[in-house]
Amino acid sequence: MNDNAASPLQPVLIGKTVELRPLQREHAPDLLRAAADGELWNMKLTVVPGPDTIEQYIAKALEGRDAGTVMPFVIVMRDSGRAVGSTRFWKIDRVNRKLEIGHTWLGESMQRSGVNTEAKFLLLAHAFEVMRSVRVQFTTDELNEKSRTAILRIGAKQEGIVRHERIMPDGRVRNSVRFSIIDSEWPDVKAMLLAKMAR
């Protein structure tokens, strides 16, 4: 399958510098190369696939896509075609028109480069303007200050801490911080993100 092609279940989202392409099994080597930039699979505050977990990581994402609750993407640089990370819509609830953006990670050299801002803009625009979502939420580890700061920087509002929200691969019981953007806030958030990306 051509990895440029939209899946019947999800689109390709195209920005100025990045494309979000539907995740496929054949992306495993590209994602491993991206995760090797900083050996991200060793991080304790988030889950990034490594050589031993990449197949399961992709399989679980594709199961969610088949079930209609997940849209997993590979983040690709438009100028080089190089995969630099991954992100997804998940917890998609079409009845209540809400979803979560998560499982986002970027190779170390791409962090703080503007790639995350553009990827989040593409996802939010699709969620609010195409899927007609009324709520988009984000969840991160209470201990992950970098992620918490990044989520606030894109205009989300912190709602609270969900205690013992999940168990991490190393067995740590994690408290998570929940953030959201709602549909009435999207025009202001969109204007702010467009201004950021124009700099």
Protein backbone atom coordinates (compact mmCIF):
# COMPACT_ATOMS: atom_id res chain seq x y z
CA MET A 1 0.00 0.00 0.00
CA ASN A 2 1.26 3.49 -0.78
CA ASP A 3 1.85 5.18 2.58
CA ASN A 4 0.88 8.53 1.04
CA ALA A 5 -2.65 7.26 0.48
CA ALA A 6 -5.48 7.92 2.89
CA SER A 7 -6.90 4.87 4.57
CA PRO A 8 -10.64 4.33 4.04
CA LEU A 9 -10.88 5.00 7.79
CA GLN A 10 -8.69 8.10 8.04
CA PRO A 11 -7.28 10.94 5.95
CA VAL A 12 -3.79 12.27 5.25
CA LEU A 13 -3.44 15.67 6.96
CA ILE A 14 -1.09 17.98 5.05
CA GLY A 15 0.60 21.03 6.51
CA LYS A 16 3.36 23.35 5.36
CA THR A 17 6.26 21.27 6.73
CA VAL A 18 4.70 18.01 7.92
CA GLU A 19 2.20 15.41 6.78
CA LEU A 20 0.29 13.13 9.10
CA ARG A 21 -0.09 9.83 7.25
CA PRO A 22 -2.17 6.85 8.35
CA LEU A 23 0.00 4.43 10.31
CA GLN A 24 0.66 1.12 8.50
CA ARG A 25 2.56 -2.02 9.51
CA GLU A 26 5.30 -1.19 7.02
CA HIS A 27 6.09 2.00 8.97
CA ALA A 28 7.78 -0.07 11.72
CA PRO A 29 11.40 0.51 10.51
CA ASP A 30 10.76 4.26 9.99
CA LEU A 31 9.27 4.64 13.48
CA LEU A 32 12.15 2.73 15.05
CA ARG A 33 14.62 5.06 13.32
CA ALA A 34 12.70 8.08 14.63
CA ALA A 35 12.54 6.64 18.17
CA ALA A 36 16.26 5.85 18.06
CA ASP A 37 16.86 9.63 17.84
CA GLY A 38 17.30 9.98 21.61
CA GLU A 39 16.51 6.30 22.39
CA LEU A 40 13.04 7.42 23.37
CA TRP A 41 11.94 3.90 24.33
CA ASN A 42 13.98 4.35 27.55
CA MET A 43 11.78 7.24 28.73
CA LYS A 44 9.84 6.52 31.92
CA LEU A 45 7.16 9.22 31.58
CA THR A 46 5.67 8.12 28.26
CA VAL A 47 5.47 5.00 26.11
CA VAL A 48 7.47 5.06 22.87
CA PRO A 49 7.97 1.84 20.86
CA GLY A 50 11.36 0.16 20.78
CA PRO A 51 12.76 -2.85 18.91
CA ASP A 52 10.93 -5.29 21.21
CA THR A 53 7.58 -3.50 21.26
CA ILE A 54 7.11 -1.92 17.81
CA GLU A 55 5.02 -4.75 16.33
CA GLN A 56 2.64 -4.80 19.30
CA TYR A 57 2.47 -0.98 19.31
CA ILE A 58 1.38 -0.88 15.66
CA ALA A 59 -0.97 -3.87 15.98
CA LYS A 60 -2.82 -2.26 18.90
CA ALA A 61 -3.15 1.04 17.02
CA LEU A 62 -4.54 -0.72 13.94
CA GLU A 63 -7.01 -2.74 16.05
CA GLY A 64 -8.31 0.57 17.40
CA ARG A 65 -8.61 1.95 13.88
CA ASP A 66 -10.57 -1.13 12.78
CA ALA A 67 -12.87 -0.61 15.80
CA GLY A 68 -13.41 3.05 14.83
CA THR A 69 -12.02 4.48 18.09
CA VAL A 70 -8.45 5.33 16.99
CA MET A 71 -6.82 7.19 14.06
CA PRO A 72 -3.04 6.59 14.33
CA PHE A 73 -0.65 8.73 12.29
CA VAL A 74 3.02 8.80 11.34
CA ILE A 75 4.47 12.34 11.40
CA VAL A 76 6.49 12.81 8.19
CA MET A 77 8.65 15.75 7.08
CA ARG A 78 7.36 16.91 3.68
CA ASP A 79 10.76 17.97 2.32
CA SER A 80 12.51 14.63 2.97
CA GLY A 81 9.72 12.09 3.43
CA ARG A 82 11.40 11.11 6.72
CA ALA A 83 9.23 9.87 9.58
CA VAL A 84 10.03 11.78 12.78
CA GLY A 85 7.37 10.51 15.18
CA SER A 86 3.79 9.47 15.72
CA THR A 87 0.49 10.78 17.10
CA ARG A 88 -3.14 9.76 17.10
CA PHE A 89 -6.75 10.50 17.76
CA TRP A 90 -8.06 7.96 20.24
CA LYS A 91 -11.01 7.48 22.57
CA ILE A 92 -13.08 8.66 19.59
CA ASP A 93 -16.70 8.96 20.73
CA ARG A 94 -18.77 9.88 17.68
CA VAL A 95 -22.07 10.00 19.57
CA ASN A 96 -20.81 12.63 22.01
CA ARG A 97 -18.48 14.19 19.39
CA LYS A 98 -15.38 14.06 21.54
CA LEU A 99 -11.94 12.51 21.26
CA GLU A 100 -8.45 12.60 22.70
CA ILE A 101 -5.17 13.54 21.00
CA GLY A 102 -2.37 11.47 22.44
CA HIS A 103 0.40 8.90 22.04
CA THR A 104 2.39 11.79 20.57
CA TRP A 105 6.17 11.55 20.40
CA LEU A 106 8.92 13.05 18.25
CA GLY A 107 12.56 12.13 17.75
CA GLU A 108 14.76 14.18 20.06
CA SER A 109 16.17 16.38 17.27
CA MET A 110 12.62 17.36 16.22
CA GLN A 111 11.49 18.45 19.67
CA ARG A 112 11.03 22.23 20.11
CA SER A 113 11.31 22.61 16.31
CA GLY A 114 7.74 23.68 15.49
CA VAL A 115 6.83 20.19 14.23
CA ASN A 116 4.66 19.45 17.27
CA THR A 117 2.79 22.76 16.96
CA GLU A 118 1.99 22.15 13.29
CA ALA A 119 0.98 18.53 13.90
CA LYS A 120 -1.34 19.58 16.74
CA PHE A 121 -2.82 22.33 14.56
CA LEU A 122 -3.60 19.81 11.79
CA LEU A 123 -5.21 17.43 14.28
CA LEU A 124 -7.25 20.10 16.01
CA ALA A 125 -8.47 21.62 12.73
CA HIS A 126 -9.58 18.18 11.54
CA ALA A 127 -11.24 17.37 14.87
CA PHE A 128 -13.21 20.62 15.13
CA GLU A 129 -13.82 21.52 11.48
CA VAL A 130 -14.25 18.12 9.80
CA MET A 131 -15.27 15.72 12.58
CA ARG A 132 -17.30 18.51 14.27
CA SER A 133 -16.00 17.61 17.71
CA VAL A 134 -17.29 19.59 20.68
CA ARG A 135 -14.38 18.52 22.91
CA VAL A 136 -10.76 17.48 22.35
CA GLN A 137 -8.86 16.31 25.39
CA PHE A 138 -5.21 15.60 26.23
CA THR A 139 -3.81 13.50 29.07
CA THR A 140 -0.22 13.36 30.30
CA ASP A 141 1.78 12.05 33.22
CA GLU A 142 1.60 14.31 36.27
CA LEU A 143 5.42 14.10 36.42
CA ASN A 144 5.94 15.09 32.75
CA GLU A 145 6.51 18.84 33.09
CA LYS A 146 7.71 19.19 29.47
CA SER A 147 4.51 17.64 28.11
CA ARG A 148 2.29 19.63 30.47
CA THR A 149 3.94 22.88 29.36
CA ALA A 150 3.61 21.94 25.67
CA ILE A 151 -0.12 21.18 26.04
CA LEU A 152 -0.77 24.51 27.78
CA ARG A 153 1.25 26.28 25.07
CA ILE A 154 -1.15 25.09 22.35
CA GLY A 155 -4.09 26.66 24.19
CA ALA A 156 -5.57 23.74 26.15
CA LYS A 157 -6.98 24.32 29.64
CA GLN A 158 -6.01 22.12 32.56
CA GLU A 159 -9.05 20.45 34.12
CA GLY A 160 -7.55 18.42 36.93
CA ILE A 161 -5.57 15.39 38.02
CA VAL A 162 -6.95 11.88 37.50
CA ARG A 163 -5.46 9.78 40.30
CA HIS A 164 -4.04 6.33 39.57
CA GLU A 165 -5.22 6.68 35.98
CA ARG A 166 -2.96 3.96 34.55
CA ILE A 167 -0.13 1.56 35.30
CA MET A 168 3.08 2.24 33.38
CA PRO A 169 5.18 -0.54 31.79
CA ASP A 170 7.63 -0.39 34.71
CA GLY A 171 4.77 -0.96 37.19
CA ARG A 172 4.51 2.63 38.46
CA VAL A 173 0.93 3.71 39.16
CA ARG A 174 0.56 7.00 37.33
CA ASN A 175 -1.49 10.06 38.16
CA SER A 176 -2.47 11.86 34.95
CA VAL A 177 -3.27 15.49 34.21
CA ARG A 178 -6.28 16.11 31.96
CA PHE A 179 -6.56 19.10 29.61
CA SER A 180 -9.14 20.07 27.01
CA ILE A 181 -10.13 22.47 24.27
CA ILE A 182 -13.85 22.86 23.55
CA ASP A 183 -15.48 23.96 20.32
CA SER A 184 -16.24 27.52 21.47
CA GLU A 185 -12.54 28.00 22.26
CA TRP A 186 -11.28 26.69 18.92
CA PRO A 187 -11.44 30.00 16.94
CA ASP A 188 -9.14 31.75 19.46
CA VAL A 189 -6.84 28.72 19.75
CA LYS A 190 -6.70 28.48 15.95
CA ALA A 191 -5.75 32.15 15.59
CA MET A 192 -3.04 31.79 18.26
CA LEU A 193 -1.56 28.67 16.61
CA LEU A 194 -1.60 30.27 13.14
CA ALA A 195 0.26 33.28 14.57
CA LYS A 196 2.82 30.98 16.22
CA MET A 197 3.43 29.06 13.00
CA ALA A 198 3.82 32.28 10.99
CA ARG A 199 6.80 33.42 13.10
